[in-house]
């Protein structure tokens, strides 16, 4: 079964509270994920899914601080943890169905 991914944005406002905006990406093979600016001093990851795009990088490229490195390291760690969990779920479900995990 192949499911198509989707992306959506929500804007929520309640009386007396600040407006909140959230975007969720549920990725599929049409997703483009690239590292841009590597080697030219302006590195960021771009994710494109349908008509929605997000760019992730340090807050400034003119002065990279230890705090900037720590934030990007947290992003990379969470990404690695997501990968490990998705791989675990894939292997578990492949075992349950009797198919080899790819």
C-alpha atoms as a PDB file:
ATOM      1  CA  UNK A   1       0.000   0.000   0.000  1.00  0.00           C
ATOM      2  CA  UNK A   2       1.435   3.337  -1.034  1.00  0.00           C
ATOM      3  CA  UNK A   3       0.190   6.437   0.687  1.00  0.00           C
ATOM      4  CA  UNK A   4       0.762   9.948  -0.528  1.00  0.00           C
ATOM      5  CA  UNK A   5       2.328  12.301   1.958  1.00  0.00           C
ATOM      6  CA  UNK A   6       0.874  15.673   2.726  1.00  0.00           C
ATOM      7  CA  UNK A   7       1.777  19.000   4.215  1.00  0.00           C
ATOM      8  CA  UNK A   8      -0.462  21.388   6.062  1.00  0.00           C
ATOM      9  CA  UNK A   9      -0.274  24.655   7.959  1.00  0.00           C
ATOM     10  CA  UNK A  10      -2.511  25.699  10.820  1.00  0.00           C
ATOM     11  CA  UNK A  11      -3.043  29.182  12.183  1.00  0.00           C
ATOM     12  CA  UNK A  12      -4.693  29.312  15.590  1.00  0.00           C
ATOM     13  CA  UNK A  13      -5.864  32.374  17.426  1.00  0.00           C
ATOM     14  CA  UNK A  14      -7.688  32.571  20.723  1.00  0.00           C
ATOM     15  CA  UNK A  15      -8.858  35.692  22.567  1.00  0.00           C
ATOM     16  CA  UNK A  16      -6.126  37.020  24.824  1.00  0.00           C
ATOM     17  CA  UNK A  17      -3.464  34.648  23.437  1.00  0.00           C
ATOM     18  CA  UNK A  18      -0.837  35.135  20.758  1.00  0.00           C
ATOM     19  CA  UNK A  19      -1.463  33.709  17.286  1.00  0.00           C
ATOM     20  CA  UNK A  20       0.302  30.399  16.674  1.00  0.00           C
ATOM     21  CA  UNK A  21       1.334  28.979  13.302  1.00  0.00           C
ATOM     22  CA  UNK A  22       2.377  25.375  12.745  1.00  0.00           C
ATOM     23  CA  UNK A  23       3.406  23.473   9.626  1.00  0.00           C
ATOM     24  CA  UNK A  24       3.544  19.677   9.436  1.00  0.00           C
ATOM     25  CA  UNK A  25       5.332  17.726   6.725  1.00  0.00           C
ATOM     26  CA  UNK A  26       4.367  14.064   6.181  1.00  0.00           C
ATOM     27  CA  UNK A  27       6.976  13.158   3.606  1.00  0.00           C
ATOM     28  CA  UNK A  28       6.763  10.892   0.575  1.00  0.00           C
ATOM     29  CA  UNK A  29       9.077  10.166  -2.386  1.00  0.00           C
ATOM     30  CA  UNK A  30       8.166  13.472  -4.070  1.00  0.00           C
ATOM     31  CA  UNK A  31       9.845  15.373  -1.223  1.00  0.00           C
ATOM     32  CA  UNK A  32      13.017  17.273  -2.072  1.00  0.00           C
ATOM     33  CA  UNK A  33      15.565  17.537   0.755  1.00  0.00           C
ATOM     34  CA  UNK A  34      18.856  19.247  -0.026  1.00  0.00           C
ATOM     35  CA  UNK A  35      21.825  20.886   1.642  1.00  0.00           C
ATOM     36  CA  UNK A  36      22.452  24.290   0.096  1.00  0.00           C
ATOM     37  CA  UNK A  37      25.320  26.719   0.537  1.00  0.00           C
ATOM     38  CA  UNK A  38      27.849  24.176   1.720  1.00  0.00           C
ATOM     39  CA  UNK A  39      31.326  25.565   1.155  1.00  0.00           C
ATOM     40  CA  UNK A  40      30.205  29.141   0.505  1.00  0.00           C
ATOM     41  CA  UNK A  41      29.503  30.091   4.120  1.00  0.00           C
ATOM     42  CA  UNK A  42      25.680  30.067   3.964  1.00  0.00           C
ATOM     43  CA  UNK A  43      24.673  26.465   4.782  1.00  0.00           C
ATOM     44  CA  UNK A  44      21.038  25.451   5.173  1.00  0.00           C
ATOM     45  CA  UNK A  45      18.778  22.505   4.523  1.00  0.00           C
ATOM     46  CA  UNK A  46      15.839  23.074   2.201  1.00  0.00           C
ATOM     47  CA  UNK A  47      12.782  20.812   2.293  1.00  0.00           C
ATOM     48  CA  UNK A  48      10.192  21.131  -0.477  1.00  0.00           C
ATOM     49  CA  UNK A  49       6.950  19.164  -0.507  1.00  0.00           C
ATOM     50  CA  UNK A  50       4.326  20.186  -2.998  1.00  0.00           C
ATOM     51  CA  UNK A  51       3.952  23.936  -2.821  1.00  0.00           C
ATOM     52  CA  UNK A  52       5.323  24.171   0.736  1.00  0.00           C
ATOM     53  CA  UNK A  53       8.975  24.837   1.519  1.00  0.00           C
ATOM     54  CA  UNK A  54      11.027  25.261   4.658  1.00  0.00           C
ATOM     55  CA  UNK A  55      14.657  26.263   5.097  1.00  0.00           C
ATOM     56  CA  UNK A  56      16.646  25.392   8.220  1.00  0.00           C
ATOM     57  CA  UNK A  57      20.008  26.900   9.057  1.00  0.00           C
ATOM     58  CA  UNK A  58      21.906  28.950  11.597  1.00  0.00           C
ATOM     59  CA  UNK A  59      20.480  32.330  12.573  1.00  0.00           C
ATOM     60  CA  UNK A  60      23.371  34.187  10.964  1.00  0.00           C
ATOM     61  CA  UNK A  61      26.157  33.127   8.684  1.00  0.00           C
ATOM     62  CA  UNK A  62      28.302  36.190   9.341  1.00  0.00           C
ATOM     63  CA  UNK A  63      29.181  34.991  12.838  1.00  0.00           C
ATOM     64  CA  UNK A  64      28.612  31.333  13.763  1.00  0.00           C
ATOM     65  CA  UNK A  65      28.662  30.958  17.546  1.00  0.00           C
ATOM     66  CA  UNK A  66      28.923  27.940  19.817  1.00  0.00           C
ATOM     67  CA  UNK A  67      25.180  28.411  20.472  1.00  0.00           C
ATOM     68  CA  UNK A  68      24.487  28.131  16.733  1.00  0.00           C
ATOM     69  CA  UNK A  69      26.485  24.911  16.590  1.00  0.00           C
ATOM     70  CA  UNK A  70      24.575  23.540  19.611  1.00  0.00           C
ATOM     71  CA  UNK A  71      21.165  24.296  18.042  1.00  0.00           C
ATOM     72  CA  UNK A  72      22.080  22.653  14.720  1.00  0.00           C
ATOM     73  CA  UNK A  73      23.540  19.682  16.650  1.00  0.00           C
ATOM     74  CA  UNK A  74      20.172  19.281  18.445  1.00  0.00           C
ATOM     75  CA  UNK A  75      18.429  19.357  15.064  1.00  0.00           C
ATOM     76  CA  UNK A  76      20.813  16.705  13.699  1.00  0.00           C
ATOM     77  CA  UNK A  77      20.386  14.533  16.817  1.00  0.00           C
ATOM     78  CA  UNK A  78      16.592  14.677  16.628  1.00  0.00           C
ATOM     79  CA  UNK A  79      16.800  13.840  12.900  1.00  0.00           C
ATOM     80  CA  UNK A  80      19.013  10.828  13.673  1.00  0.00           C
ATOM     81  CA  UNK A  81      16.571   9.695  16.367  1.00  0.00           C
ATOM     82  CA  UNK A  82      13.666  10.024  13.909  1.00  0.00           C
ATOM     83  CA  UNK A  83      15.570   7.931  11.366  1.00  0.00           C
ATOM     84  CA  UNK A  84      16.335   5.227  13.944  1.00  0.00           C
ATOM     85  CA  UNK A  85      12.690   5.068  15.049  1.00  0.00           C
ATOM     86  CA  UNK A  86      11.350   4.888  11.483  1.00  0.00           C
ATOM     87  CA  UNK A  87      13.902   2.173  10.627  1.00  0.00           C
ATOM     88  CA  UNK A  88      12.890   0.241  13.758  1.00  0.00           C
ATOM     89  CA  UNK A  89       9.183   0.464  12.881  1.00  0.00           C
ATOM     90  CA  UNK A  90       9.865  -0.578   9.295  1.00  0.00           C
ATOM     91  CA  UNK A  91      11.890  -3.622  10.391  1.00  0.00           C
ATOM     92  CA  UNK A  92       9.309  -4.575  13.030  1.00  0.00           C
ATOM     93  CA  UNK A  93       6.445  -4.443  10.541  1.00  0.00           C
ATOM     94  CA  UNK A  94       8.440  -6.275   7.896  1.00  0.00           C
ATOM     95  CA  UNK A  95       9.140  -9.054  10.421  1.00  0.00           C
ATOM     96  CA  UNK A  96       5.439  -9.239  11.338  1.00  0.00           C
ATOM     97  CA  UNK A  97       4.400  -9.542   7.715  1.00  0.00           C
ATOM     98  CA  UNK A  98       7.125 -12.057   6.878  1.00  0.00           C
ATOM     99  CA  UNK A  99       8.900  -9.778   4.408  1.00  0.00           C
ATOM    100  CA  UNK A 100      12.529  -8.769   4.554  1.00  0.00           C
ATOM    101  CA  UNK A 101      13.144  -5.136   5.470  1.00  0.00           C
ATOM    102  CA  UNK A 102      14.642  -3.138   2.616  1.00  0.00           C
END
